[in-house]
Amino acid sequence: MSLLRVILAIIFPPLAIIDYGCGSVLIVFLLTLAGWVPGVIAALIILNRQR
């Protein structure tokens, strides 16, 4: 997890995980629309898990 991705996850969560697949981006986008904090948390969890 790089510092740039963490900053992107805080500012705009779907952009931080754009290369993790369409499903992940869609889930994080919907969570971000529901509320900013759930989107950030989901993006950080996805970034933190190993590929």
C-alpha atoms as a PDB file:
ATOM      1  CA  MET A   1       0.000   0.000   0.000  1.00  0.00           C
ATOM      2  CA  SER A   2       1.718   3.159  -1.171  1.00  0.00           C
ATOM      3  CA  LEU A   3       1.333   6.616   0.282  1.00  0.00           C
ATOM      4  CA  LEU A   4      -0.140   7.957  -2.967  1.00  0.00           C
ATOM      5  CA  ARG A   5      -2.889   5.321  -2.938  1.00  0.00           C
ATOM      6  CA  VAL A   6      -3.733   6.100   0.691  1.00  0.00           C
ATOM      7  CA  ILE A   7      -4.038   9.799  -0.112  1.00  0.00           C
ATOM      8  CA  LEU A   8      -6.222   8.988  -3.131  1.00  0.00           C
ATOM      9  CA  ALA A   9      -8.359   6.692  -0.973  1.00  0.00           C
ATOM     10  CA  ILE A  10      -8.982   9.552   1.423  1.00  0.00           C
ATOM     11  CA  ILE A  11      -9.702  12.159  -1.256  1.00  0.00           C
ATOM     12  CA  PHE A  12     -11.646  10.054  -3.817  1.00  0.00           C
ATOM     13  CA  PRO A  13     -11.868   6.369  -2.874  1.00  0.00           C
ATOM     14  CA  PRO A  14     -12.893   4.819  -6.247  1.00  0.00           C
ATOM     15  CA  LEU A  15      -9.890   6.355  -7.985  1.00  0.00           C
ATOM     16  CA  ALA A  16      -7.481   4.693  -5.557  1.00  0.00           C
ATOM     17  CA  ILE A  17      -8.630   1.179  -6.458  1.00  0.00           C
ATOM     18  CA  ILE A  18      -9.266   1.648 -10.170  1.00  0.00           C
ATOM     19  CA  ASP A  19      -6.960  -1.269 -11.117  1.00  0.00           C
ATOM     20  CA  TYR A  20      -8.523  -3.751  -8.667  1.00  0.00           C
ATOM     21  CA  GLY A  21     -11.411  -4.640 -10.962  1.00  0.00           C
ATOM     22  CA  CYS A  22     -14.809  -3.344 -11.914  1.00  0.00           C
ATOM     23  CA  GLY A  23     -16.650  -4.957  -9.002  1.00  0.00           C
ATOM     24  CA  SER A  24     -14.435  -3.385  -6.361  1.00  0.00           C
ATOM     25  CA  VAL A  25     -14.658   0.023  -7.981  1.00  0.00           C
ATOM     26  CA  LEU A  26     -18.447  -0.225  -8.212  1.00  0.00           C
ATOM     27  CA  ILE A  27     -18.817  -1.248  -4.559  1.00  0.00           C
ATOM     28  CA  VAL A  28     -16.555   1.540  -3.352  1.00  0.00           C
ATOM     29  CA  PHE A  29     -18.307   4.047  -5.609  1.00  0.00           C
ATOM     30  CA  LEU A  30     -21.712   3.106  -4.221  1.00  0.00           C
ATOM     31  CA  LEU A  31     -20.418   3.268  -0.655  1.00  0.00           C
ATOM     32  CA  THR A  32     -18.911   6.678  -1.384  1.00  0.00           C
ATOM     33  CA  LEU A  33     -22.276   7.874  -2.686  1.00  0.00           C
ATOM     34  CA  ALA A  34     -23.950   6.576   0.472  1.00  0.00           C
ATOM     35  CA  GLY A  35     -21.432   8.388   2.615  1.00  0.00           C
ATOM     36  CA  TRP A  36     -17.833   9.421   2.291  1.00  0.00           C
ATOM     37  CA  VAL A  37     -16.557   7.527   5.347  1.00  0.00           C
ATOM     38  CA  PRO A  38     -17.826   4.058   4.279  1.00  0.00           C
ATOM     39  CA  GLY A  39     -16.195   4.554   0.881  1.00  0.00           C
ATOM     40  CA  VAL A  40     -12.864   5.484   2.448  1.00  0.00           C
ATOM     41  CA  ILE A  41     -12.985   2.527   4.826  1.00  0.00           C
ATOM     42  CA  ALA A  42     -13.800   0.089   2.012  1.00  0.00           C
ATOM     43  CA  ALA A  43     -11.049   1.492  -0.203  1.00  0.00           C
ATOM     44  CA  LEU A  44      -8.476   1.209   2.578  1.00  0.00           C
ATOM     45  CA  ILE A  45      -9.534  -2.378   3.301  1.00  0.00           C
ATOM     46  CA  ILE A  46      -9.241  -3.315  -0.372  1.00  0.00           C
ATOM     47  CA  LEU A  47      -5.850  -1.613  -0.621  1.00  0.00           C
ATOM     48  CA  ASN A  48      -4.627  -3.355   2.522  1.00  0.00           C
ATOM     49  CA  ARG A  49      -5.412  -6.906   1.447  1.00  0.00           C
ATOM     50  CA  GLN A  50      -2.757  -8.757  -0.497  1.00  0.00           C
ATOM     51  CA  ARG A  51      -3.294  -9.663  -4.132  1.00  0.00           C
END
